[in-house]
């Protein structure tokens, strides 16, 4: 198998041991854990590349709770995971959604994607984060024409906003994180939030308030009212304050962080038991209510569930053994270690 991306539909079903739905951190680490056991995988993701929400929503955001990495960006984490799984030659199918998944009488699975690719898989791992998602949009007249150029729902490259006039909307962690990141580098920055209570970390809110007190940025409690256009280009935005006053704010770019519309999409129709709009799994193998279909990461639910990348890595490790048992029930399982197992070292290419 190749690690190159593929978007062309298959002429015949691709036969594989495992199909992993989702190429975020949990899905990528699932490739690694399966590879250690000698099990191959194909990975399908609706996005254009690996990383899931990490790289789609906050590629430059620092992460501090990955073991042995005191700090790394979301993009760096994904890049490291891609390097780690390279020995296992997983093939990726980007830009397509799995629209069909059904268990056949022989226990194998038939899957089809929105691009027409068909898979004949021994097992399935759903690592699709919160499912398919779309950002909640700003909802102003003429806004759609400026999305991706001067109205943004994610930051792809922070340097694009240096020395620019910025207005940021939102009161959660994403909004405050980018306020703190961009305020020292922007020509001007105004944060707009609809109420005085924030969902972001208290330390971030306190730092934002310090920047306002130092007159390095402004904060307005209010709602976006309308765009200010000049010859078809964005020139600013009008904001109606909580006191009823309308503020006209000059802006080169608007950044809106109102959260996501998470949806399970086609997964909701696959006959899997749900719990609070997530896939219910056991905590031994992270198998769903359908034998042979496993779920890891933010998309699953079980007692004590914590939506952490670290938890997804743990779930991937146990799911790999569950998948091995499902695919090869007659095979005796041994717990081997990469430091001492010649078989694992050979698979890793370090023997």
C-alpha atoms as a PDB file:
ATOM      1  CA  UNK A   1       0.000   0.000   0.000  1.00  0.00           C
ATOM      2  CA  UNK A   2       1.037   3.582  -0.625  1.00  0.00           C
ATOM      3  CA  UNK A   3       0.948   6.562   1.698  1.00  0.00           C
ATOM      4  CA  UNK A   4      -0.033   8.830  -1.192  1.00  0.00           C
ATOM      5  CA  UNK A   5      -3.466  10.457  -1.197  1.00  0.00           C
ATOM      6  CA  UNK A   6      -6.072   9.075  -3.560  1.00  0.00           C
ATOM      7  CA  UNK A   7      -9.335  10.676  -4.612  1.00  0.00           C
ATOM      8  CA  UNK A   8     -10.156   8.654  -7.738  1.00  0.00           C
ATOM      9  CA  UNK A   9     -13.009   6.146  -7.360  1.00  0.00           C
ATOM     10  CA  UNK A  10     -11.997   2.503  -7.412  1.00  0.00           C
ATOM     11  CA  UNK A  11     -12.974   0.341 -10.404  1.00  0.00           C
ATOM     12  CA  UNK A  12     -13.342  -2.614  -8.032  1.00  0.00           C
ATOM     13  CA  UNK A  13     -13.720  -2.856  -4.249  1.00  0.00           C
ATOM     14  CA  UNK A  14     -10.477  -2.262  -2.352  1.00  0.00           C
ATOM     15  CA  UNK A  15      -9.976  -5.258  -0.066  1.00  0.00           C
ATOM     16  CA  UNK A  16      -8.341  -4.312   3.207  1.00  0.00           C
ATOM     17  CA  UNK A  17      -8.129  -5.508   6.772  1.00  0.00           C
ATOM     18  CA  UNK A  18      -9.372  -2.233   8.260  1.00  0.00           C
ATOM     19  CA  UNK A  19     -10.947   1.017   7.045  1.00  0.00           C
ATOM     20  CA  UNK A  20     -10.410   3.965   9.377  1.00  0.00           C
ATOM     21  CA  UNK A  21     -12.925   6.795   8.979  1.00  0.00           C
ATOM     22  CA  UNK A  22     -11.203  10.005  10.044  1.00  0.00           C
ATOM     23  CA  UNK A  23      -7.597  11.208   9.725  1.00  0.00           C
ATOM     24  CA  UNK A  24      -7.372  13.277  12.892  1.00  0.00           C
ATOM     25  CA  UNK A  25      -4.816  12.465  15.633  1.00  0.00           C
ATOM     26  CA  UNK A  26      -6.823   9.462  16.939  1.00  0.00           C
ATOM     27  CA  UNK A  27      -7.306   8.011  13.455  1.00  0.00           C
ATOM     28  CA  UNK A  28      -3.629   8.464  12.589  1.00  0.00           C
ATOM     29  CA  UNK A  29      -2.503   6.802  15.817  1.00  0.00           C
ATOM     30  CA  UNK A  30      -4.901   3.947  15.073  1.00  0.00           C
ATOM     31  CA  UNK A  31      -2.853   3.287  11.916  1.00  0.00           C
ATOM     32  CA  UNK A  32       0.233   3.014  14.136  1.00  0.00           C
ATOM     33  CA  UNK A  33      -1.293   0.673  16.711  1.00  0.00           C
ATOM     34  CA  UNK A  34      -2.697  -1.609  14.013  1.00  0.00           C
ATOM     35  CA  UNK A  35       0.609  -1.525  12.154  1.00  0.00           C
ATOM     36  CA  UNK A  36       2.469  -2.753  15.225  1.00  0.00           C
ATOM     37  CA  UNK A  37       0.195  -5.820  15.168  1.00  0.00           C
ATOM     38  CA  UNK A  38       0.825  -6.351  11.454  1.00  0.00           C
ATOM     39  CA  UNK A  39      -2.640  -5.138  10.420  1.00  0.00           C
ATOM     40  CA  UNK A  40      -3.001  -2.848   7.400  1.00  0.00           C
ATOM     41  CA  UNK A  41      -5.453   0.031   7.015  1.00  0.00           C
ATOM     42  CA  UNK A  42      -6.987   2.424   4.516  1.00  0.00           C
ATOM     43  CA  UNK A  43      -7.994   5.871   5.800  1.00  0.00           C
ATOM     44  CA  UNK A  44     -10.908   7.967   4.510  1.00  0.00           C
ATOM     45  CA  UNK A  45     -11.469  11.617   5.455  1.00  0.00           C
ATOM     46  CA  UNK A  46     -13.819  14.296   4.146  1.00  0.00           C
ATOM     47  CA  UNK A  47     -11.145  16.991   4.476  1.00  0.00           C
ATOM     48  CA  UNK A  48      -8.429  17.674   1.906  1.00  0.00           C
ATOM     49  CA  UNK A  49      -5.577  16.421   4.106  1.00  0.00           C
ATOM     50  CA  UNK A  50      -4.716  14.789   7.442  1.00  0.00           C
ATOM     51  CA  UNK A  51      -5.230  16.366  10.843  1.00  0.00           C
ATOM     52  CA  UNK A  52      -8.988  16.653  11.308  1.00  0.00           C
ATOM     53  CA  UNK A  53     -10.154  19.540  13.468  1.00  0.00           C
ATOM     54  CA  UNK A  54      -6.604  20.128  14.750  1.00  0.00           C
ATOM     55  CA  UNK A  55      -5.336  21.408  11.429  1.00  0.00           C
ATOM     56  CA  UNK A  56      -8.690  22.604  10.094  1.00  0.00           C
ATOM     57  CA  UNK A  57      -9.511  24.901  13.007  1.00  0.00           C
ATOM     58  CA  UNK A  58      -6.330  25.748  14.932  1.00  0.00           C
ATOM     59  CA  UNK A  59      -3.112  24.509  13.248  1.00  0.00           C
ATOM     60  CA  UNK A  60      -0.920  27.044  15.084  1.00  0.00           C
ATOM     61  CA  UNK A  61      -2.513  26.604  18.503  1.00  0.00           C
ATOM     62  CA  UNK A  62      -0.056  25.230  21.099  1.00  0.00           C
ATOM     63  CA  UNK A  63      -0.823  21.880  22.761  1.00  0.00           C
ATOM     64  CA  UNK A  64       0.785  21.157  26.143  1.00  0.00           C
ATOM     65  CA  UNK A  65      -0.585  17.750  27.218  1.00  0.00           C
ATOM     66  CA  UNK A  66       1.046  15.314  24.773  1.00  0.00           C
ATOM     67  CA  UNK A  67       3.455  12.977  26.644  1.00  0.00           C
ATOM     68  CA  UNK A  68       7.156  13.805  26.130  1.00  0.00           C
ATOM     69  CA  UNK A  69       6.273  16.932  24.085  1.00  0.00           C
ATOM     70  CA  UNK A  70       6.183  19.889  26.504  1.00  0.00           C
ATOM     71  CA  UNK A  71       4.651  22.015  23.755  1.00  0.00           C
ATOM     72  CA  UNK A  72       3.838  21.571  20.068  1.00  0.00           C
ATOM     73  CA  UNK A  73       1.438  23.111  17.596  1.00  0.00           C
ATOM     74  CA  UNK A  74      -1.530  21.131  16.330  1.00  0.00           C
ATOM     75  CA  UNK A  75       0.077  20.995  12.876  1.00  0.00           C
ATOM     76  CA  UNK A  76       3.360  19.761  14.334  1.00  0.00           C
ATOM     77  CA  UNK A  77       1.545  16.986  16.191  1.00  0.00           C
ATOM     78  CA  UNK A  78      -0.123  15.842  12.978  1.00  0.00           C
ATOM     79  CA  UNK A  79       3.177  16.033  11.067  1.00  0.00           C
ATOM     80  CA  UNK A  80       4.876  13.890  13.732  1.00  0.00           C
ATOM     81  CA  UNK A  81       2.060  11.336  13.622  1.00  0.00           C
ATOM     82  CA  UNK A  82       2.344  11.131   9.826  1.00  0.00           C
ATOM     83  CA  UNK A  83       6.067  10.474  10.175  1.00  0.00           C
ATOM     84  CA  UNK A  84       5.430   7.846  12.863  1.00  0.00           C
ATOM     85  CA  UNK A  85       2.991   5.849  10.700  1.00  0.00           C
ATOM     86  CA  UNK A  86       5.046   6.045   7.501  1.00  0.00           C
ATOM     87  CA  UNK A  87       6.499   2.510   7.894  1.00  0.00           C
ATOM     88  CA  UNK A  88       3.009   1.012   7.678  1.00  0.00           C
ATOM     89  CA  UNK A  89       2.128   2.406   4.226  1.00  0.00           C
ATOM     90  CA  UNK A  90      -1.491   3.290   4.948  1.00  0.00           C
ATOM     91  CA  UNK A  91      -3.288   4.677   1.907  1.00  0.00           C
ATOM     92  CA  UNK A  92      -5.326   7.845   2.350  1.00  0.00           C
ATOM     93  CA  UNK A  93      -8.530   8.785   0.518  1.00  0.00           C
ATOM     94  CA  UNK A  94      -9.109  12.501   1.128  1.00  0.00           C
ATOM     95  CA  UNK A  95     -11.981  14.740   0.141  1.00  0.00           C
ATOM     96  CA  UNK A  96     -14.638  12.055   0.425  1.00  0.00           C
ATOM     97  CA  UNK A  97     -17.169  10.980   3.010  1.00  0.00           C
ATOM     98  CA  UNK A  98     -18.157   7.387   3.789  1.00  0.00           C
ATOM     99  CA  UNK A  99     -21.829   7.335   2.862  1.00  0.00           C
ATOM    100  CA  UNK A 100     -22.537   3.589   3.162  1.00  0.00           C
ATOM    101  CA  UNK A 101     -21.383   1.027   5.689  1.00  0.00           C
ATOM    102  CA  UNK A 102     -23.056  -2.346   6.152  1.00  0.00           C
ATOM    103  CA  UNK A 103     -22.008  -5.601   7.693  1.00  0.00           C
ATOM    104  CA  UNK A 104     -22.195  -8.582   5.348  1.00  0.00           C
ATOM    105  CA  UNK A 105     -23.308 -12.080   6.395  1.00  0.00           C
ATOM    106  CA  UNK A 106     -19.661 -13.226   6.409  1.00  0.00           C
ATOM    107  CA  UNK A 107     -18.780 -10.565   9.013  1.00  0.00           C
ATOM    108  CA  UNK A 108     -16.883  -8.315   6.591  1.00  0.00           C
ATOM    109  CA  UNK A 109     -18.030  -4.799   5.683  1.00  0.00           C
ATOM    110  CA  UNK A 110     -19.084  -3.072   2.496  1.00  0.00           C
ATOM    111  CA  UNK A 111     -18.297   0.663   2.443  1.00  0.00           C
ATOM    112  CA  UNK A 112     -18.820   3.281  -0.240  1.00  0.00           C
ATOM    113  CA  UNK A 113     -17.689   6.914  -0.302  1.00  0.00           C
ATOM    114  CA  UNK A 114     -19.172  10.059  -1.795  1.00  0.00           C
ATOM    115  CA  UNK A 115     -16.468   9.889  -4.496  1.00  0.00           C
ATOM    116  CA  UNK A 116     -17.477   6.356  -5.514  1.00  0.00           C
ATOM    117  CA  UNK A 117     -14.661   4.435  -3.834  1.00  0.00           C
ATOM    118  CA  UNK A 118     -15.768   1.003  -2.561  1.00  0.00           C
ATOM    119  CA  UNK A 119     -14.094  -1.003   0.186  1.00  0.00           C
ATOM    120  CA  UNK A 120     -14.319  -4.624   1.295  1.00  0.00           C
ATOM    121  CA  UNK A 121     -13.056  -4.369   4.887  1.00  0.00           C
ATOM    122  CA  UNK A 122     -12.578  -6.856   7.671  1.00  0.00           C
ATOM    123  CA  UNK A 123     -13.273  -4.225  10.330  1.00  0.00           C
ATOM    124  CA  UNK A 124     -14.099  -0.525  10.580  1.00  0.00           C
ATOM    125  CA  UNK A 125     -12.828   2.143  12.956  1.00  0.00           C
ATOM    126  CA  UNK A 126     -14.803   5.369  13.216  1.00  0.00           C
ATOM    127  CA  UNK A 127     -12.452   8.139  14.350  1.00  0.00           C
ATOM    128  CA  UNK A 128     -14.422  11.023  12.905  1.00  0.00           C
ATOM    129  CA  UNK A 129     -14.138  13.504  15.780  1.00  0.00           C
ATOM    130  CA  UNK A 130     -17.499  15.162  16.344  1.00  0.00           C
ATOM    131  CA  UNK A 131     -18.563  13.968  12.908  1.00  0.00           C
ATOM    132  CA  UNK A 132     -18.861  16.211   9.890  1.00  0.00           C
ATOM    133  CA  UNK A 133     -18.934  19.861  10.883  1.00  0.00           C
ATOM    134  CA  UNK A 134     -19.470  23.354   9.545  1.00  0.00           C
ATOM    135  CA  UNK A 135     -18.617  26.596  11.330  1.00  0.00           C
ATOM    136  CA  UNK A 136     -21.495  28.742  12.520  1.00  0.00           C
ATOM    137  CA  UNK A 137     -21.444  31.688  10.161  1.00  0.00           C
ATOM    138  CA  UNK A 138     -21.681  35.389  10.871  1.00  0.00           C
ATOM    139  CA  UNK A 139     -25.033  35.643   9.091  1.00  0.00           C
ATOM    140  CA  UNK A 140     -24.761  39.186   7.722  1.00  0.00           C
ATOM    141  CA  UNK A 141     -25.991  40.371   4.323  1.00  0.00           C
ATOM    142  CA  UNK A 142     -23.269  40.006   1.636  1.00  0.00           C
ATOM    143  CA  UNK A 143     -21.022  38.082   4.058  1.00  0.00           C
ATOM    144  CA  UNK A 144     -20.902  34.918   1.975  1.00  0.00           C
ATOM    145  CA  UNK A 145     -19.175  36.721  -0.915  1.00  0.00           C
ATOM    146  CA  UNK A 146     -16.281  37.649   1.389  1.00  0.00           C
ATOM    147  CA  UNK A 147     -15.817  34.323   3.194  1.00  0.00           C
ATOM    148  CA  UNK A 148     -12.313  32.985   2.777  1.00  0.00           C
ATOM    149  CA  UNK A 149     -10.884  36.357   1.702  1.00  0.00           C
ATOM    150  CA  UNK A 150     -11.799  38.897   4.377  1.00  0.00           C
ATOM    151  CA  UNK A 151     -14.256  36.948   6.566  1.00  0.00           C
ATOM    152  CA  UNK A 152     -12.766  33.868   8.209  1.00  0.00           C
ATOM    153  CA  UNK A 153     -13.941  31.038  10.469  1.00  0.00           C
ATOM    154  CA  UNK A 154     -10.475  29.585  11.003  1.00  0.00           C
ATOM    155  CA  UNK A 155      -6.874  30.761  10.857  1.00  0.00           C
ATOM    156  CA  UNK A 156      -4.760  28.972   8.300  1.00  0.00           C
ATOM    157  CA  UNK A 157      -1.719  31.253   8.490  1.00  0.00           C
ATOM    158  CA  UNK A 158      -1.421  33.745  11.346  1.00  0.00           C
ATOM    159  CA  UNK A 159       1.010  35.931   9.389  1.00  0.00           C
ATOM    160  CA  UNK A 160      -1.809  36.829   6.976  1.00  0.00           C
ATOM    161  CA  UNK A 161      -3.274  38.981   9.760  1.00  0.00           C
ATOM    162  CA  UNK A 162      -0.127  40.771  10.889  1.00  0.00           C
ATOM    163  CA  UNK A 163      -0.313  44.587  10.597  1.00  0.00           C
ATOM    164  CA  UNK A 164      -4.022  44.355   9.667  1.00  0.00           C
ATOM    165  CA  UNK A 165      -7.129  45.916  11.187  1.00  0.00           C
ATOM    166  CA  UNK A 166      -8.954  43.001  12.810  1.00  0.00           C
ATOM    167  CA  UNK A 167     -12.357  42.470  14.402  1.00  0.00           C
ATOM    168  CA  UNK A 168     -12.754  39.128  16.169  1.00  0.00           C
ATOM    169  CA  UNK A 169     -16.168  37.758  17.197  1.00  0.00           C
ATOM    170  CA  UNK A 170     -16.702  35.140  19.898  1.00  0.00           C
ATOM    171  CA  UNK A 171     -16.246  34.395  23.567  1.00  0.00           C
ATOM    172  CA  UNK A 172     -14.795  30.891  23.623  1.00  0.00           C
ATOM    173  CA  UNK A 173     -11.259  29.575  23.733  1.00  0.00           C
ATOM    174  CA  UNK A 174     -10.669  29.857  19.986  1.00  0.00           C
ATOM    175  CA  UNK A 175     -11.653  33.533  19.925  1.00  0.00           C
ATOM    176  CA  UNK A 176      -9.595  34.451  22.981  1.00  0.00           C
ATOM    177  CA  UNK A 177      -6.598  32.384  21.888  1.00  0.00           C
ATOM    178  CA  UNK A 178      -6.425  34.286  18.606  1.00  0.00           C
ATOM    179  CA  UNK A 179      -7.023  37.614  20.324  1.00  0.00           C
ATOM    180  CA  UNK A 180      -3.981  37.016  22.516  1.00  0.00           C
ATOM    181  CA  UNK A 181      -1.925  35.720  19.587  1.00  0.00           C
ATOM    182  CA  UNK A 182      -2.782  38.508  17.148  1.00  0.00           C
ATOM    183  CA  UNK A 183      -3.197  41.588  19.360  1.00  0.00           C
ATOM    184  CA  UNK A 184       0.561  42.278  19.573  1.00  0.00           C
ATOM    185  CA  UNK A 185       0.921  41.893  15.791  1.00  0.00           C
ATOM    186  CA  UNK A 186      -2.208  43.557  14.427  1.00  0.00           C
ATOM    187  CA  UNK A 187      -2.495  47.212  13.404  1.00  0.00           C
ATOM    188  CA  UNK A 188      -5.682  47.301  15.486  1.00  0.00           C
ATOM    189  CA  UNK A 189      -7.892  44.670  17.097  1.00  0.00           C
ATOM    190  CA  UNK A 190     -11.408  44.737  18.499  1.00  0.00           C
ATOM    191  CA  UNK A 191     -13.059  41.765  20.221  1.00  0.00           C
ATOM    192  CA  UNK A 192     -16.860  41.583  20.024  1.00  0.00           C
ATOM    193  CA  UNK A 193     -18.857  39.195  22.218  1.00  0.00           C
ATOM    194  CA  UNK A 194     -22.603  39.143  22.715  1.00  0.00           C
ATOM    195  CA  UNK A 195     -22.485  39.045  26.512  1.00  0.00           C
ATOM    196  CA  UNK A 196     -20.200  39.841  29.442  1.00  0.00           C
ATOM    197  CA  UNK A 197     -19.719  36.159  30.417  1.00  0.00           C
ATOM    198  CA  UNK A 198     -17.030  34.260  28.473  1.00  0.00           C
ATOM    199  CA  UNK A 199     -16.672  30.536  27.847  1.00  0.00           C
ATOM    200  CA  UNK A 200     -12.900  30.847  27.456  1.00  0.00           C
ATOM    201  CA  UNK A 201     -10.350  30.026  30.134  1.00  0.00           C
ATOM    202  CA  UNK A 202     -10.408  32.655  32.914  1.00  0.00           C
ATOM    203  CA  UNK A 203      -6.676  33.314  32.480  1.00  0.00           C
ATOM    204  CA  UNK A 204      -7.233  34.173  28.811  1.00  0.00           C
ATOM    205  CA  UNK A 205     -10.093  36.523  29.679  1.00  0.00           C
ATOM    206  CA  UNK A 206      -7.945  38.233  32.328  1.00  0.00           C
ATOM    207  CA  UNK A 207      -5.100  38.714  29.833  1.00  0.00           C
ATOM    208  CA  UNK A 208      -7.524  40.174  27.270  1.00  0.00           C
ATOM    209  CA  UNK A 209      -8.791  42.629  29.866  1.00  0.00           C
ATOM    210  CA  UNK A 210      -5.197  43.655  30.633  1.00  0.00           C
ATOM    211  CA  UNK A 211      -4.619  44.370  26.947  1.00  0.00           C
ATOM    212  CA  UNK A 212      -7.769  46.504  26.876  1.00  0.00           C
ATOM    213  CA  UNK A 213      -6.644  48.412  29.980  1.00  0.00           C
ATOM    214  CA  UNK A 214      -3.296  49.055  28.274  1.00  0.00           C
ATOM    215  CA  UNK A 215      -5.211  50.324  25.201  1.00  0.00           C
ATOM    216  CA  UNK A 216      -3.611  47.671  22.983  1.00  0.00           C
ATOM    217  CA  UNK A 217      -7.063  46.467  21.876  1.00  0.00           C
ATOM    218  CA  UNK A 218     -10.796  47.116  22.452  1.00  0.00           C
ATOM    219  CA  UNK A 219     -13.640  44.965  23.687  1.00  0.00           C
ATOM    220  CA  UNK A 220     -17.284  45.631  22.816  1.00  0.00           C
ATOM    221  CA  UNK A 221     -20.225  43.716  24.232  1.00  0.00           C
ATOM    222  CA  UNK A 222     -22.630  43.475  21.332  1.00  0.00           C
ATOM    223  CA  UNK A 223     -23.639  41.805  18.069  1.00  0.00           C
ATOM    224  CA  UNK A 224     -22.588  42.155  14.446  1.00  0.00           C
ATOM    225  CA  UNK A 225     -25.119  44.359  12.664  1.00  0.00           C
ATOM    226  CA  UNK A 226     -23.945  44.867   9.050  1.00  0.00           C
ATOM    227  CA  UNK A 227     -20.880  45.003   6.836  1.00  0.00           C
ATOM    228  CA  UNK A 228     -19.238  48.201   5.662  1.00  0.00           C
ATOM    229  CA  UNK A 229     -18.282  47.817   1.992  1.00  0.00           C
ATOM    230  CA  UNK A 230     -16.234  50.086  -0.241  1.00  0.00           C
ATOM    231  CA  UNK A 231     -16.385  49.308  -3.950  1.00  0.00           C
ATOM    232  CA  UNK A 232     -17.312  45.726  -3.200  1.00  0.00           C
ATOM    233  CA  UNK A 233     -14.445  45.257  -0.752  1.00  0.00           C
ATOM    234  CA  UNK A 234     -14.762  44.847   3.008  1.00  0.00           C
ATOM    235  CA  UNK A 235     -13.955  48.101   4.780  1.00  0.00           C
ATOM    236  CA  UNK A 236     -15.384  47.370   8.216  1.00  0.00           C
ATOM    237  CA  UNK A 237     -18.341  46.181  10.252  1.00  0.00           C
ATOM    238  CA  UNK A 238     -21.119  47.822  12.238  1.00  0.00           C
ATOM    239  CA  UNK A 239     -21.670  46.396  15.712  1.00  0.00           C
ATOM    240  CA  UNK A 240     -24.737  47.100  17.820  1.00  0.00           C
ATOM    241  CA  UNK A 241     -23.610  47.387  21.425  1.00  0.00           C
ATOM    242  CA  UNK A 242     -25.495  46.056  24.433  1.00  0.00           C
ATOM    243  CA  UNK A 243     -26.404  49.678  25.219  1.00  0.00           C
ATOM    244  CA  UNK A 244     -28.010  50.129  21.800  1.00  0.00           C
ATOM    245  CA  UNK A 245     -25.223  52.250  20.336  1.00  0.00           C
ATOM    246  CA  UNK A 246     -24.008  51.263  16.855  1.00  0.00           C
ATOM    247  CA  UNK A 247     -20.209  51.203  16.497  1.00  0.00           C
ATOM    248  CA  UNK A 248     -18.664  51.416  13.034  1.00  0.00           C
ATOM    249  CA  UNK A 249     -15.356  49.543  13.172  1.00  0.00           C
ATOM    250  CA  UNK A 250     -12.820  49.758  10.321  1.00  0.00           C
ATOM    251  CA  UNK A 251     -11.513  46.308   9.440  1.00  0.00           C
ATOM    252  CA  UNK A 252      -9.447  44.495   6.839  1.00  0.00           C
ATOM    253  CA  UNK A 253     -10.518  41.103   8.166  1.00  0.00           C
ATOM    254  CA  UNK A 254     -13.299  39.710  10.347  1.00  0.00           C
ATOM    255  CA  UNK A 255     -12.631  36.490  12.274  1.00  0.00           C
ATOM    256  CA  UNK A 256     -15.727  34.760  13.636  1.00  0.00           C
ATOM    257  CA  UNK A 257     -15.450  31.944  16.169  1.00  0.00           C
ATOM    258  CA  UNK A 258     -19.005  30.964  16.984  1.00  0.00           C
ATOM    259  CA  UNK A 259     -18.341  27.228  17.251  1.00  0.00           C
ATOM    260  CA  UNK A 260     -19.371  24.350  15.020  1.00  0.00           C
ATOM    261  CA  UNK A 261     -22.477  22.533  13.859  1.00  0.00           C
ATOM    262  CA  UNK A 262     -21.421  18.940  14.687  1.00  0.00           C
ATOM    263  CA  UNK A 263     -23.363  16.262  12.830  1.00  0.00           C
ATOM    264  CA  UNK A 264     -22.894  12.514  12.639  1.00  0.00           C
ATOM    265  CA  UNK A 265     -24.029  12.672   9.025  1.00  0.00           C
ATOM    266  CA  UNK A 266     -24.467   9.277   7.322  1.00  0.00           C
ATOM    267  CA  UNK A 267     -23.049   7.501  10.411  1.00  0.00           C
ATOM    268  CA  UNK A 268     -26.343   8.153  12.206  1.00  0.00           C
ATOM    269  CA  UNK A 269     -28.089   5.779   9.784  1.00  0.00           C
ATOM    270  CA  UNK A 270     -25.778   2.786  10.175  1.00  0.00           C
ATOM    271  CA  UNK A 271     -27.751   1.147  12.992  1.00  0.00           C
ATOM    272  CA  UNK A 272     -25.194   1.919  15.715  1.00  0.00           C
ATOM    273  CA  UNK A 273     -26.377   2.532  19.273  1.00  0.00           C
ATOM    274  CA  UNK A 274     -26.136   6.211  20.178  1.00  0.00           C
ATOM    275  CA  UNK A 275     -25.726   7.967  23.500  1.00  0.00           C
ATOM    276  CA  UNK A 276     -25.968  11.776  23.615  1.00  0.00           C
ATOM    277  CA  UNK A 277     -25.401  11.980  19.851  1.00  0.00           C
ATOM    278  CA  UNK A 278     -22.209   9.912  20.174  1.00  0.00           C
ATOM    279  CA  UNK A 279     -21.452   6.247  19.478  1.00  0.00           C
ATOM    280  CA  UNK A 280     -21.787   4.036  22.535  1.00  0.00           C
ATOM    281  CA  UNK A 281     -18.780   1.717  22.991  1.00  0.00           C
ATOM    282  CA  UNK A 282     -17.432  -0.744  25.530  1.00  0.00           C
ATOM    283  CA  UNK A 283     -14.224   0.102  27.391  1.00  0.00           C
ATOM    284  CA  UNK A 284     -12.459  -3.193  26.696  1.00  0.00           C
ATOM    285  CA  UNK A 285     -12.195  -2.983  22.903  1.00  0.00           C
ATOM    286  CA  UNK A 286     -14.023   0.294  22.096  1.00  0.00           C
ATOM    287  CA  UNK A 287     -16.369  -1.701  19.921  1.00  0.00           C
ATOM    288  CA  UNK A 288     -19.774  -0.266  19.044  1.00  0.00           C
ATOM    289  CA  UNK A 289     -23.071  -2.140  19.198  1.00  0.00           C
ATOM    290  CA  UNK A 290     -22.242  -3.674  15.795  1.00  0.00           C
ATOM    291  CA  UNK A 291     -19.472  -6.308  16.049  1.00  0.00           C
ATOM    292  CA  UNK A 292     -16.502  -5.334  13.921  1.00  0.00           C
ATOM    293  CA  UNK A 293     -17.184  -1.596  14.030  1.00  0.00           C
ATOM    294  CA  UNK A 294     -15.083   0.294  16.567  1.00  0.00           C
ATOM    295  CA  UNK A 295     -15.163   3.980  17.544  1.00  0.00           C
ATOM    296  CA  UNK A 296     -12.381   6.058  19.092  1.00  0.00           C
ATOM    297  CA  UNK A 297     -11.852   9.726  19.875  1.00  0.00           C
ATOM    298  CA  UNK A 298     -14.462  12.432  20.359  1.00  0.00           C
ATOM    299  CA  UNK A 299     -17.165  10.543  18.468  1.00  0.00           C
ATOM    300  CA  UNK A 300     -17.591   7.825  21.109  1.00  0.00           C
ATOM    301  CA  UNK A 301     -19.289   7.712  24.495  1.00  0.00           C
ATOM    302  CA  UNK A 302     -18.728   5.607  27.612  1.00  0.00           C
ATOM    303  CA  UNK A 303     -18.778   6.164  31.396  1.00  0.00           C
ATOM    304  CA  UNK A 304     -16.052   8.602  32.382  1.00  0.00           C
ATOM    305  CA  UNK A 305     -15.356   9.702  28.786  1.00  0.00           C
ATOM    306  CA  UNK A 306     -12.992  12.671  28.481  1.00  0.00           C
ATOM    307  CA  UNK A 307     -12.598  14.367  25.107  1.00  0.00           C
ATOM    308  CA  UNK A 308      -8.813  14.589  25.094  1.00  0.00           C
ATOM    309  CA  UNK A 309      -6.329  13.679  22.364  1.00  0.00           C
ATOM    310  CA  UNK A 310      -4.548  11.588  24.983  1.00  0.00           C
ATOM    311  CA  UNK A 311      -7.733   9.584  25.587  1.00  0.00           C
ATOM    312  CA  UNK A 312      -8.055   8.928  21.850  1.00  0.00           C
ATOM    313  CA  UNK A 313      -4.528   7.486  21.774  1.00  0.00           C
ATOM    314  CA  UNK A 314      -5.355   5.118  24.659  1.00  0.00           C
ATOM    315  CA  UNK A 315      -8.580   4.052  22.934  1.00  0.00           C
ATOM    316  CA  UNK A 316      -6.705   3.364  19.681  1.00  0.00           C
ATOM    317  CA  UNK A 317      -4.289   1.037  21.480  1.00  0.00           C
ATOM    318  CA  UNK A 318      -7.050  -1.085  23.026  1.00  0.00           C
ATOM    319  CA  UNK A 319      -9.137  -1.003  19.849  1.00  0.00           C
ATOM    320  CA  UNK A 320      -6.197  -2.449  17.893  1.00  0.00           C
ATOM    321  CA  UNK A 321      -6.201  -5.568  20.073  1.00  0.00           C
ATOM    322  CA  UNK A 322      -9.978  -5.817  19.785  1.00  0.00           C
ATOM    323  CA  UNK A 323      -9.706  -5.586  16.007  1.00  0.00           C
ATOM    324  CA  UNK A 324      -7.002  -8.264  15.924  1.00  0.00           C
ATOM    325  CA  UNK A 325      -9.248 -10.553  17.954  1.00  0.00           C
ATOM    326  CA  UNK A 326     -12.215  -9.852  15.664  1.00  0.00           C
ATOM    327  CA  UNK A 327     -10.242 -10.460  12.458  1.00  0.00           C
ATOM    328  CA  UNK A 328      -8.247 -13.458  13.692  1.00  0.00           C
ATOM    329  CA  UNK A 329     -10.170 -15.093  16.562  1.00  0.00           C
ATOM    330  CA  UNK A 330      -8.079 -18.238  16.340  1.00  0.00           C
ATOM    331  CA  UNK A 331      -4.841 -16.336  16.817  1.00  0.00           C
ATOM    332  CA  UNK A 332      -3.405 -16.240  20.312  1.00  0.00           C
ATOM    333  CA  UNK A 333      -2.690 -12.687  21.442  1.00  0.00           C
ATOM    334  CA  UNK A 334       0.611 -11.684  23.008  1.00  0.00           C
ATOM    335  CA  UNK A 335       1.455  -8.321  24.518  1.00  0.00           C
ATOM    336  CA  UNK A 336       4.723  -7.346  22.869  1.00  0.00           C
ATOM    337  CA  UNK A 337       6.913  -4.298  23.380  1.00  0.00           C
ATOM    338  CA  UNK A 338       8.587  -2.236  20.681  1.00  0.00           C
ATOM    339  CA  UNK A 339      11.824  -2.210  22.698  1.00  0.00           C
ATOM    340  CA  UNK A 340      12.159  -6.004  22.686  1.00  0.00           C
ATOM    341  CA  UNK A 341       9.935  -7.470  19.958  1.00  0.00           C
ATOM    342  CA  UNK A 342      11.854  -8.352  16.774  1.00  0.00           C
ATOM    343  CA  UNK A 343       8.553  -8.595  14.866  1.00  0.00           C
ATOM    344  CA  UNK A 344       7.470  -5.091  15.852  1.00  0.00           C
ATOM    345  CA  UNK A 345      10.920  -3.656  15.176  1.00  0.00           C
ATOM    346  CA  UNK A 346      10.860  -5.223  11.710  1.00  0.00           C
ATOM    347  CA  UNK A 347       7.468  -3.648  11.020  1.00  0.00           C
ATOM    348  CA  UNK A 348       8.821  -0.304  12.183  1.00  0.00           C
ATOM    349  CA  UNK A 349      11.885  -0.693   9.963  1.00  0.00           C
ATOM    350  CA  UNK A 350      14.339  -0.428  12.880  1.00  0.00           C
ATOM    351  CA  UNK A 351      15.343  -4.090  13.191  1.00  0.00           C
END
